[in-house]
Amino acid sequence: MQMVKRMFWGLLLVWGALLLFMPKEQLYFKLERELAKQGIELNENVIEERIAGLTFKGVTLYVKGIEVARADQVDLLTLLFFSQLEVKGLHMDKGLESMLPKSAERIVLMHSILSPTTISIEGKGSFGTIEGKIDLATRTLHLDFVKSGEIGMLKSQLKQGEKGWYYETGF
């Protein structure tokens, strides 16, 4: 029993050290370089490193040099076996408001090693409340509009299902 206890504490210590000393900012900059190859740029005012993640404030998203969206705050949490990306105060560019919802209070993406090919999505904004998932194996995105808000600009792309409106696409 002592040996099991020591192994448990040893694994817990290694896990904690990995979280504490993981080069979070360098991993983020590597991600930025990979996104730049696709024509996607992120510009942030402040980067704050935390024990288990990063916080970005004043983030602006550019696609091929055109401003697409701004976010007040983006929180990235990683516990190695579970990761969460939370975007707060997302505002679309005024030129895109006729095609996309103009704002989102909160959007959360979650990934776990228990389901390695699925990313869960939750969100709340001017469009209402959404729940959905990204399936990396089949390369599909499915969003259910649980409580619909201003979705007039999206209605042509949405389908009516048992639970209400939903959006589904492949990538």
N, C-alpha and C. Protein backbone atom coordinates (compact mmCIF):
# COMPACT_ATOMS: atom_id res chain seq x y z
N MET A 1 0.82 -1.20 0.00
CA MET A 1 0.00 0.00 0.00
C MET A 1 0.86 1.26 0.00
N GLN A 2 1.97 1.23 0.70
CA GLN A 2 2.88 2.37 0.74
C GLN A 2 3.40 2.69 -0.66
N MET A 3 3.71 1.65 -1.42
CA MET A 3 4.26 1.85 -2.75
C MET A 3 3.21 2.50 -3.67
N VAL A 4 1.97 2.09 -3.57
CA VAL A 4 0.90 2.66 -4.36
C VAL A 4 0.73 4.14 -3.99
N LYS A 5 0.79 4.44 -2.70
CA LYS A 5 0.67 5.82 -2.24
C LYS A 5 1.81 6.67 -2.79
N ARG A 6 3.01 6.14 -2.76
CA ARG A 6 4.18 6.88 -3.27
C ARG A 6 4.06 7.11 -4.78
N MET A 7 3.60 6.09 -5.50
CA MET A 7 3.43 6.25 -6.95
C MET A 7 2.37 7.30 -7.25
N PHE A 8 1.28 7.29 -6.50
CA PHE A 8 0.22 8.28 -6.70
C PHE A 8 0.76 9.68 -6.46
N TRP A 9 1.44 9.90 -5.36
CA TRP A 9 2.00 11.22 -5.05
C TRP A 9 3.06 11.62 -6.06
N GLY A 10 3.83 10.66 -6.53
CA GLY A 10 4.85 10.94 -7.55
C GLY A 10 4.21 11.39 -8.85
N LEU A 11 3.16 10.69 -9.29
CA LEU A 11 2.44 11.08 -10.50
C LEU A 11 1.77 12.44 -10.34
N LEU A 12 1.21 12.69 -9.18
CA LEU A 12 0.58 13.97 -8.90
C LEU A 12 1.62 15.09 -8.93
N LEU A 13 2.79 14.84 -8.40
CA LEU A 13 3.87 15.83 -8.41
C LEU A 13 4.36 16.11 -9.83
N VAL A 14 4.52 15.08 -10.63
CA VAL A 14 4.95 15.24 -12.03
C VAL A 14 3.89 16.03 -12.81
N TRP A 15 2.62 15.68 -12.61
CA TRP A 15 1.52 16.38 -13.29
C TRP A 15 1.52 17.87 -12.91
N GLY A 16 1.66 18.15 -11.61
CA GLY A 16 1.70 19.53 -11.14
C GLY A 16 2.89 20.29 -11.71
N ALA A 17 4.05 19.64 -11.75
CA ALA A 17 5.24 20.29 -12.30
C ALA A 17 5.07 20.58 -13.79
N LEU A 18 4.46 19.65 -14.52
CA LEU A 18 4.20 19.88 -15.94
C LEU A 18 3.29 21.09 -16.14
N LEU A 19 2.24 21.18 -15.35
CA LEU A 19 1.33 22.32 -15.46
C LEU A 19 2.05 23.64 -15.12
N LEU A 20 2.83 23.62 -14.08
CA LEU A 20 3.50 24.82 -13.60
C LEU A 20 4.58 25.30 -14.56
N PHE A 21 5.39 24.38 -15.08
CA PHE A 21 6.53 24.75 -15.89
C PHE A 21 6.31 24.61 -17.40
N MET A 22 5.10 24.27 -17.82
CA MET A 22 4.80 24.14 -19.24
C MET A 22 4.98 25.49 -19.92
N PRO A 23 5.65 25.54 -21.07
CA PRO A 23 5.87 26.83 -21.76
C PRO A 23 4.60 27.28 -22.49
N LYS A 24 3.65 27.81 -21.73
CA LYS A 24 2.33 28.14 -22.27
C LYS A 24 2.40 29.23 -23.35
N GLU A 25 3.14 30.30 -23.07
CA GLU A 25 3.22 31.38 -24.05
C GLU A 25 3.89 30.92 -25.34
N GLN A 26 4.92 30.10 -25.23
CA GLN A 26 5.61 29.61 -26.43
C GLN A 26 4.67 28.71 -27.25
N LEU A 27 3.86 27.90 -26.58
CA LEU A 27 2.89 27.08 -27.29
C LEU A 27 1.85 27.95 -28.01
N TYR A 28 1.44 29.03 -27.36
CA TYR A 28 0.50 29.97 -27.99
C TYR A 28 1.12 30.62 -29.22
N PHE A 29 2.38 31.06 -29.12
CA PHE A 29 3.03 31.69 -30.27
C PHE A 29 3.22 30.69 -31.41
N LYS A 30 3.45 29.44 -31.10
CA LYS A 30 3.54 28.39 -32.12
C LYS A 30 2.18 28.25 -32.83
N LEU A 31 1.10 28.28 -32.05
CA LEU A 31 -0.25 28.23 -32.62
C LEU A 31 -0.48 29.43 -33.53
N GLU A 32 -0.06 30.62 -33.10
CA GLU A 32 -0.20 31.82 -33.93
C GLU A 32 0.51 31.66 -35.27
N ARG A 33 1.72 31.09 -35.24
CA ARG A 33 2.48 30.89 -36.49
C ARG A 33 1.76 29.91 -37.42
N GLU A 34 1.19 28.85 -36.85
CA GLU A 34 0.46 27.87 -37.67
C GLU A 34 -0.81 28.50 -38.26
N LEU A 35 -1.52 29.33 -37.48
CA LEU A 35 -2.71 30.00 -37.99
C LEU A 35 -2.35 31.01 -39.07
N ALA A 36 -1.20 31.66 -38.94
CA ALA A 36 -0.76 32.65 -39.94
C ALA A 36 -0.57 32.00 -41.30
N LYS A 37 -0.17 30.74 -41.33
CA LYS A 37 -0.03 30.02 -42.60
C LYS A 37 -1.38 29.89 -43.32
N GLN A 38 -2.47 29.92 -42.55
CA GLN A 38 -3.82 29.82 -43.11
C GLN A 38 -4.44 31.20 -43.36
N GLY A 39 -3.68 32.28 -43.09
CA GLY A 39 -4.19 33.64 -43.28
C GLY A 39 -4.99 34.15 -42.10
N ILE A 40 -4.84 33.51 -40.94
CA ILE A 40 -5.57 33.90 -39.73
C ILE A 40 -4.58 34.51 -38.74
N GLU A 41 -4.89 35.72 -38.27
CA GLU A 41 -4.02 36.40 -37.32
C GLU A 41 -4.80 36.77 -36.07
N LEU A 42 -4.16 36.64 -34.93
CA LEU A 42 -4.72 37.06 -33.65
C LEU A 42 -3.85 38.18 -33.11
N ASN A 43 -4.48 39.25 -32.68
CA ASN A 43 -3.75 40.37 -32.10
C ASN A 43 -4.35 40.61 -30.71
N GLU A 44 -3.54 40.51 -29.68
CA GLU A 44 -4.02 40.67 -28.33
C GLU A 44 -3.27 41.82 -27.65
N ASN A 45 -3.98 42.52 -26.76
CA ASN A 45 -3.36 43.62 -26.03
C ASN A 45 -2.54 43.13 -24.85
N VAL A 46 -3.07 42.16 -24.11
CA VAL A 46 -2.41 41.67 -22.89
C VAL A 46 -2.47 40.15 -22.87
N ILE A 47 -1.34 39.52 -22.49
CA ILE A 47 -1.30 38.08 -22.25
C ILE A 47 -0.89 37.88 -20.80
N GLU A 48 -1.74 37.19 -20.04
CA GLU A 48 -1.43 36.89 -18.64
C GLU A 48 -1.29 35.38 -18.49
N GLU A 49 -0.17 34.95 -17.93
CA GLU A 49 0.04 33.52 -17.72
C GLU A 49 -0.47 33.14 -16.33
N ARG A 50 -1.21 32.05 -16.28
CA ARG A 50 -1.70 31.50 -15.01
C ARG A 50 -1.09 30.13 -14.80
N ILE A 51 -1.36 29.53 -13.66
CA ILE A 51 -0.78 28.22 -13.36
C ILE A 51 -1.20 27.18 -14.40
N ALA A 52 -2.47 27.17 -14.77
CA ALA A 52 -2.96 26.14 -15.69
C ALA A 52 -3.50 26.73 -16.98
N GLY A 53 -2.97 27.86 -17.42
CA GLY A 53 -3.47 28.40 -18.67
C GLY A 53 -3.01 29.82 -18.94
N LEU A 54 -3.70 30.44 -19.87
CA LEU A 54 -3.41 31.81 -20.28
C LEU A 54 -4.70 32.61 -20.36
N THR A 55 -4.59 33.91 -20.14
CA THR A 55 -5.71 34.83 -20.33
C THR A 55 -5.25 35.90 -21.31
N PHE A 56 -6.08 36.14 -22.33
CA PHE A 56 -5.80 37.17 -23.33
C PHE A 56 -6.87 38.23 -23.21
N LYS A 57 -6.47 39.49 -23.23
CA LYS A 57 -7.43 40.59 -23.16
C LYS A 57 -7.30 41.44 -24.41
N GLY A 58 -8.43 41.90 -24.91
CA GLY A 58 -8.44 42.74 -26.10
C GLY A 58 -7.97 42.02 -27.35
N VAL A 59 -8.57 40.87 -27.65
CA VAL A 59 -8.16 40.06 -28.79
C VAL A 59 -8.93 40.48 -30.05
N THR A 60 -8.20 40.65 -31.14
CA THR A 60 -8.80 40.96 -32.44
C THR A 60 -8.44 39.85 -33.41
N LEU A 61 -9.42 39.35 -34.15
CA LEU A 61 -9.23 38.27 -35.12
C LEU A 61 -9.25 38.85 -36.52
N TYR A 62 -8.19 38.57 -37.29
CA TYR A 62 -8.09 38.99 -38.68
C TYR A 62 -8.03 37.75 -39.56
N VAL A 63 -8.76 37.77 -40.67
CA VAL A 63 -8.68 36.71 -41.67
C VAL A 63 -8.27 37.37 -42.98
N LYS A 64 -7.11 36.96 -43.48
CA LYS A 64 -6.53 37.52 -44.70
C LYS A 64 -6.45 39.04 -44.63
N GLY A 65 -6.09 39.56 -43.46
CA GLY A 65 -5.88 40.99 -43.26
C GLY A 65 -7.13 41.80 -42.97
N ILE A 66 -8.29 41.17 -42.94
CA ILE A 66 -9.55 41.87 -42.68
C ILE A 66 -10.01 41.56 -41.27
N GLU A 67 -10.33 42.61 -40.51
CA GLU A 67 -10.82 42.40 -39.14
C GLU A 67 -12.19 41.73 -39.18
N VAL A 68 -12.30 40.60 -38.48
CA VAL A 68 -13.54 39.83 -38.48
C VAL A 68 -14.28 39.95 -37.15
N ALA A 69 -13.54 39.89 -36.04
CA ALA A 69 -14.18 39.91 -34.72
C ALA A 69 -13.23 40.44 -33.67
N ARG A 70 -13.82 40.88 -32.56
CA ARG A 70 -13.06 41.31 -31.38
C ARG A 70 -13.64 40.60 -30.16
N ALA A 71 -12.76 40.26 -29.23
CA ALA A 71 -13.21 39.63 -27.98
C ALA A 71 -12.61 40.41 -26.82
N ASP A 72 -13.42 40.64 -25.80
CA ASP A 72 -12.93 41.34 -24.61
C ASP A 72 -11.89 40.50 -23.88
N GLN A 73 -12.19 39.20 -23.73
CA GLN A 73 -11.29 38.32 -22.98
C GLN A 73 -11.39 36.89 -23.50
N VAL A 74 -10.24 36.22 -23.56
CA VAL A 74 -10.19 34.81 -23.94
C VAL A 74 -9.38 34.08 -22.88
N ASP A 75 -9.97 33.06 -22.28
CA ASP A 75 -9.30 32.26 -21.25
C ASP A 75 -9.03 30.86 -21.79
N LEU A 76 -7.78 30.44 -21.69
CA LEU A 76 -7.39 29.09 -22.09
C LEU A 76 -6.94 28.35 -20.84
N LEU A 77 -7.63 27.26 -20.53
CA LEU A 77 -7.31 26.43 -19.37
C LEU A 77 -6.91 25.05 -19.88
N THR A 78 -5.79 24.55 -19.42
CA THR A 78 -5.40 23.19 -19.79
C THR A 78 -4.92 22.45 -18.55
N LEU A 79 -5.48 21.27 -18.37
CA LEU A 79 -5.07 20.40 -17.27
C LEU A 79 -4.44 19.13 -17.84
N LEU A 80 -3.98 19.20 -19.07
CA LEU A 80 -3.36 18.12 -19.83
C LEU A 80 -4.37 17.07 -20.28
N PHE A 81 -5.29 16.68 -19.44
CA PHE A 81 -6.31 15.70 -19.82
C PHE A 81 -7.64 16.37 -20.16
N PHE A 82 -7.74 17.67 -19.90
CA PHE A 82 -8.94 18.44 -20.17
C PHE A 82 -8.52 19.86 -20.54
N SER A 83 -9.09 20.38 -21.61
CA SER A 83 -8.78 21.75 -22.03
C SER A 83 -10.08 22.50 -22.28
N GLN A 84 -10.04 23.81 -21.98
CA GLN A 84 -11.22 24.64 -22.18
C GLN A 84 -10.79 26.00 -22.70
N LEU A 85 -11.48 26.47 -23.73
CA LEU A 85 -11.26 27.80 -24.29
C LEU A 85 -12.55 28.57 -24.11
N GLU A 86 -12.50 29.68 -23.37
CA GLU A 86 -13.69 30.47 -23.10
C GLU A 86 -13.49 31.87 -23.68
N VAL A 87 -14.41 32.28 -24.54
CA VAL A 87 -14.36 33.60 -25.16
C VAL A 87 -15.49 34.42 -24.56
N LYS A 88 -15.14 35.59 -24.00
CA LYS A 88 -16.13 36.47 -23.39
C LYS A 88 -16.19 37.78 -24.16
N GLY A 89 -17.38 38.28 -24.39
CA GLY A 89 -17.56 39.56 -25.07
C GLY A 89 -17.11 39.56 -26.51
N LEU A 90 -17.60 38.60 -27.30
CA LEU A 90 -17.24 38.50 -28.72
C LEU A 90 -18.16 39.42 -29.54
N HIS A 91 -17.56 40.28 -30.35
CA HIS A 91 -18.31 41.22 -31.19
C HIS A 91 -17.83 41.07 -32.63
N MET A 92 -18.76 40.83 -33.54
CA MET A 92 -18.42 40.69 -34.95
C MET A 92 -18.21 42.07 -35.56
N ASP A 93 -17.45 42.14 -36.63
CA ASP A 93 -17.25 43.38 -37.36
C ASP A 93 -18.59 43.83 -37.93
N LYS A 94 -18.79 45.13 -38.01
CA LYS A 94 -20.08 45.67 -38.47
C LYS A 94 -20.42 45.22 -39.89
N GLY A 95 -19.42 44.99 -40.73
CA GLY A 95 -19.66 44.55 -42.10
C GLY A 95 -20.21 43.13 -42.19
N LEU A 96 -20.03 42.33 -41.13
CA LEU A 96 -20.50 40.95 -41.13
C LEU A 96 -21.81 40.75 -40.38
N GLU A 97 -22.34 41.82 -39.79
CA GLU A 97 -23.55 41.69 -38.97
C GLU A 97 -24.78 41.25 -39.78
N SER A 98 -24.76 41.45 -41.10
CA SER A 98 -25.90 41.01 -41.91
C SER A 98 -25.84 39.50 -42.18
N MET A 99 -24.66 38.87 -41.97
CA MET A 99 -24.50 37.44 -42.24
C MET A 99 -24.35 36.61 -40.97
N LEU A 100 -23.86 37.22 -39.89
CA LEU A 100 -23.58 36.51 -38.64
C LEU A 100 -24.20 37.26 -37.47
N PRO A 101 -24.46 36.57 -36.36
CA PRO A 101 -24.93 37.27 -35.17
C PRO A 101 -23.92 38.33 -34.75
N LYS A 102 -24.42 39.48 -34.26
CA LYS A 102 -23.51 40.59 -33.99
C LYS A 102 -22.67 40.42 -32.73
N SER A 103 -23.12 39.61 -31.78
CA SER A 103 -22.32 39.47 -30.56
C SER A 103 -22.63 38.16 -29.84
N ALA A 104 -21.68 37.78 -28.99
CA ALA A 104 -21.85 36.62 -28.12
C ALA A 104 -21.30 36.99 -26.75
N GLU A 105 -22.09 36.77 -25.73
CA GLU A 105 -21.63 37.06 -24.37
C GLU A 105 -20.53 36.08 -23.96
N ARG A 106 -20.74 34.80 -24.34
CA ARG A 106 -19.81 33.76 -23.88
C ARG A 106 -19.88 32.57 -24.82
N ILE A 107 -18.71 32.09 -25.24
CA ILE A 107 -18.63 30.86 -26.02
C ILE A 107 -17.55 30.00 -25.38
N VAL A 108 -17.87 28.73 -25.13
CA VAL A 108 -16.94 27.82 -24.46
C VAL A 108 -16.73 26.58 -25.34
N LEU A 109 -15.46 26.25 -25.58
CA LEU A 109 -15.08 25.03 -26.30
C LEU A 109 -14.35 24.15 -25.30
N MET A 110 -14.74 22.86 -25.20
CA MET A 110 -14.12 21.95 -24.24
C MET A 110 -13.68 20.67 -24.93
N HIS A 111 -12.51 20.18 -24.52
CA HIS A 111 -11.95 18.94 -25.07
C HIS A 111 -11.41 18.09 -23.94
N SER A 112 -11.65 16.80 -24.00
CA SER A 112 -11.19 15.87 -22.98
C SER A 112 -10.56 14.66 -23.64
N ILE A 113 -9.58 14.06 -22.98
CA ILE A 113 -8.97 12.85 -23.55
C ILE A 113 -9.91 11.66 -23.47
N LEU A 114 -10.99 11.77 -22.69
CA LEU A 114 -11.98 10.70 -22.64
C LEU A 114 -12.75 10.60 -23.96
N SER A 115 -12.81 11.71 -24.69
CA SER A 115 -13.45 11.75 -26.01
C SER A 115 -12.53 12.55 -26.93
N PRO A 116 -11.45 11.93 -27.41
CA PRO A 116 -10.41 12.69 -28.11
C PRO A 116 -10.81 13.26 -29.47
N THR A 117 -11.87 12.76 -30.08
CA THR A 117 -12.26 13.26 -31.40
C THR A 117 -13.43 14.23 -31.34
N THR A 118 -13.84 14.65 -30.14
CA THR A 118 -14.99 15.53 -30.00
C THR A 118 -14.64 16.77 -29.20
N ILE A 119 -15.08 17.92 -29.69
CA ILE A 119 -14.95 19.18 -28.97
C ILE A 119 -16.37 19.67 -28.71
N SER A 120 -16.71 19.88 -27.45
CA SER A 120 -18.05 20.36 -27.09
C SER A 120 -18.09 21.89 -27.17
N ILE A 121 -19.26 22.41 -27.54
CA ILE A 121 -19.44 23.85 -27.68
C ILE A 121 -20.68 24.27 -26.91
N GLU A 122 -20.56 25.38 -26.17
CA GLU A 122 -21.70 26.01 -25.52
C GLU A 122 -21.58 27.50 -25.78
N GLY A 123 -22.70 28.18 -25.92
CA GLY A 123 -22.62 29.61 -26.16
C GLY A 123 -23.90 30.33 -25.84
N LYS A 124 -23.76 31.63 -25.57
CA LYS A 124 -24.91 32.48 -25.29
C LYS A 124 -24.61 33.85 -25.88
N GLY A 125 -25.59 34.38 -26.59
CA GLY A 125 -25.38 35.69 -27.19
C GLY A 125 -26.65 36.22 -27.81
N SER A 126 -26.51 37.14 -28.76
CA SER A 126 -27.68 37.74 -29.40
C SER A 126 -28.47 36.69 -30.19
N PHE A 127 -27.84 35.58 -30.55
CA PHE A 127 -28.47 34.48 -31.28
C PHE A 127 -29.27 33.56 -30.37
N GLY A 128 -29.16 33.72 -29.06
CA GLY A 128 -29.82 32.86 -28.09
C GLY A 128 -28.80 31.98 -27.38
N THR A 129 -29.17 30.74 -27.11
CA THR A 129 -28.28 29.80 -26.45
C THR A 129 -28.04 28.61 -27.38
N ILE A 130 -26.77 28.23 -27.51
CA ILE A 130 -26.43 27.10 -28.38
C ILE A 130 -25.68 26.03 -27.60
N GLU A 131 -25.81 24.82 -28.07
CA GLU A 131 -25.03 23.68 -27.60
C GLU A 131 -24.67 22.88 -28.83
N GLY A 132 -23.50 22.29 -28.82
CA GLY A 132 -23.13 21.52 -30.00
C GLY A 132 -21.81 20.82 -29.84
N LYS A 133 -21.32 20.31 -30.96
CA LYS A 133 -20.05 19.61 -30.91
C LYS A 133 -19.38 19.66 -32.28
N ILE A 134 -18.07 19.55 -32.22
CA ILE A 134 -17.26 19.40 -33.42
C ILE A 134 -16.72 17.98 -33.37
N ASP A 135 -17.01 17.20 -34.39
CA ASP A 135 -16.51 15.83 -34.46
C ASP A 135 -15.31 15.83 -35.41
N LEU A 136 -14.12 15.66 -34.86
CA LEU A 136 -12.90 15.71 -35.64
C LEU A 136 -12.72 14.48 -36.53
N ALA A 137 -13.29 13.36 -36.13
CA ALA A 137 -13.16 12.13 -36.92
C ALA A 137 -13.96 12.23 -38.22
N THR A 138 -15.20 12.70 -38.12
CA THR A 138 -16.03 12.82 -39.32
C THR A 138 -15.97 14.21 -39.93
N ARG A 139 -15.25 15.13 -39.27
CA ARG A 139 -15.06 16.51 -39.73
C ARG A 139 -16.41 17.21 -39.91
N THR A 140 -17.23 17.17 -38.85
CA THR A 140 -18.53 17.84 -38.90
C THR A 140 -18.70 18.76 -37.69
N LEU A 141 -19.52 19.78 -37.89
CA LEU A 141 -19.91 20.71 -36.84
C LEU A 141 -21.42 20.65 -36.72
N HIS A 142 -21.92 20.48 -35.50
CA HIS A 142 -23.37 20.44 -35.26
C HIS A 142 -23.67 21.39 -34.11
N LEU A 143 -24.58 22.36 -34.34
CA LEU A 143 -24.99 23.32 -33.31
C LEU A 143 -26.50 23.28 -33.17
N ASP A 144 -26.99 23.10 -31.94
CA ASP A 144 -28.42 23.17 -31.64
C ASP A 144 -28.71 24.52 -31.01
N PHE A 145 -29.70 25.23 -31.54
CA PHE A 145 -30.12 26.50 -30.96
C PHE A 145 -31.18 26.18 -29.91
N VAL A 146 -30.76 26.05 -28.66
CA VAL A 146 -31.64 25.65 -27.58
C VAL A 146 -32.69 26.72 -27.32
N LYS A 147 -32.25 27.95 -27.19
CA LYS A 147 -33.15 29.10 -27.05
C LYS A 147 -32.78 30.07 -28.15
N SER A 148 -33.65 30.23 -29.11
CA SER A 148 -33.34 31.09 -30.26
C SER A 148 -33.52 32.56 -29.91
N GLY A 149 -32.62 33.36 -30.42
CA GLY A 149 -32.68 34.81 -30.28
C GLY A 149 -32.79 35.42 -31.65
N GLU A 150 -31.90 36.36 -31.95
CA GLU A 150 -31.87 37.01 -33.27
C GLU A 150 -31.14 36.10 -34.26
N ILE A 151 -31.89 35.24 -34.94
CA ILE A 151 -31.26 34.32 -35.91
C ILE A 151 -31.81 34.52 -37.31
N GLY A 152 -32.44 35.67 -37.55
CA GLY A 152 -33.04 35.95 -38.85
C GLY A 152 -32.04 35.82 -39.98
N MET A 153 -30.81 36.32 -39.78
CA MET A 153 -29.80 36.27 -40.84
C MET A 153 -29.28 34.86 -41.07
N LEU A 154 -29.51 33.94 -40.13
CA LEU A 154 -29.02 32.57 -40.24
C LEU A 154 -30.10 31.58 -40.70
N LYS A 155 -31.36 32.00 -40.69
CA LYS A 155 -32.47 31.06 -40.95
C LYS A 155 -32.32 30.29 -42.25
N SER A 156 -31.73 30.90 -43.28
CA SER A 156 -31.59 30.21 -44.55
C SER A 156 -30.59 29.06 -44.46
N GLN A 157 -29.69 29.08 -43.47
CA GLN A 157 -28.69 28.04 -43.29
C GLN A 157 -29.07 27.03 -42.22
N LEU A 158 -30.13 27.32 -41.46
CA LEU A 158 -30.55 26.44 -40.37
C LEU A 158 -31.60 25.44 -40.86
N LYS A 159 -31.69 24.33 -40.14
CA LYS A 159 -32.69 23.31 -40.42
C LYS A 159 -33.54 23.13 -39.18
N GLN A 160 -34.79 22.73 -39.38
CA GLN A 160 -35.71 22.49 -38.27
C GLN A 160 -35.59 21.02 -37.86
N GLY A 161 -35.37 20.76 -36.57
CA GLY A 161 -35.28 19.40 -36.07
C GLY A 161 -36.24 19.18 -34.93
N GLU A 162 -36.09 18.05 -34.24
CA GLU A 162 -36.96 17.72 -33.12
C GLU A 162 -36.80 18.71 -31.97
N LYS A 163 -35.56 19.13 -31.71
CA LYS A 163 -35.29 20.05 -30.61
C LYS A 163 -35.45 21.51 -30.99
N GLY A 164 -35.67 21.79 -32.25
CA GLY A 164 -35.75 23.18 -32.72
C GLY A 164 -34.78 23.37 -33.88
N TRP A 165 -34.26 24.57 -34.00
CA TRP A 165 -33.35 24.89 -35.08
C TRP A 165 -31.97 24.32 -34.82
N TYR A 166 -31.29 23.89 -35.89
CA TYR A 166 -29.91 23.43 -35.77
C TYR A 166 -29.13 23.76 -37.03
N TYR A 167 -27.82 23.82 -36.87
CA TYR A 167 -26.91 24.09 -37.99
C TYR A 167 -25.91 22.94 -38.05
N GLU A 168 -25.70 22.43 -39.26
CA GLU A 168 -24.76 21.32 -39.42
C GLU A 168 -23.97 21.52 -40.72
N THR A 169 -22.66 21.34 -40.63
CA THR A 169 -21.82 21.48 -41.82
C THR A 169 -20.58 20.60 -41.68
N GLY A 170 -19.94 20.37 -42.77
CA GLY A 170 -18.68 19.63 -42.81
C GLY A 170 -17.53 20.59 -43.09
N PHE A 171 -16.33 20.16 -42.78
CA PHE A 171 -15.16 21.01 -43.07
C PHE A 171 -13.99 20.14 -43.50
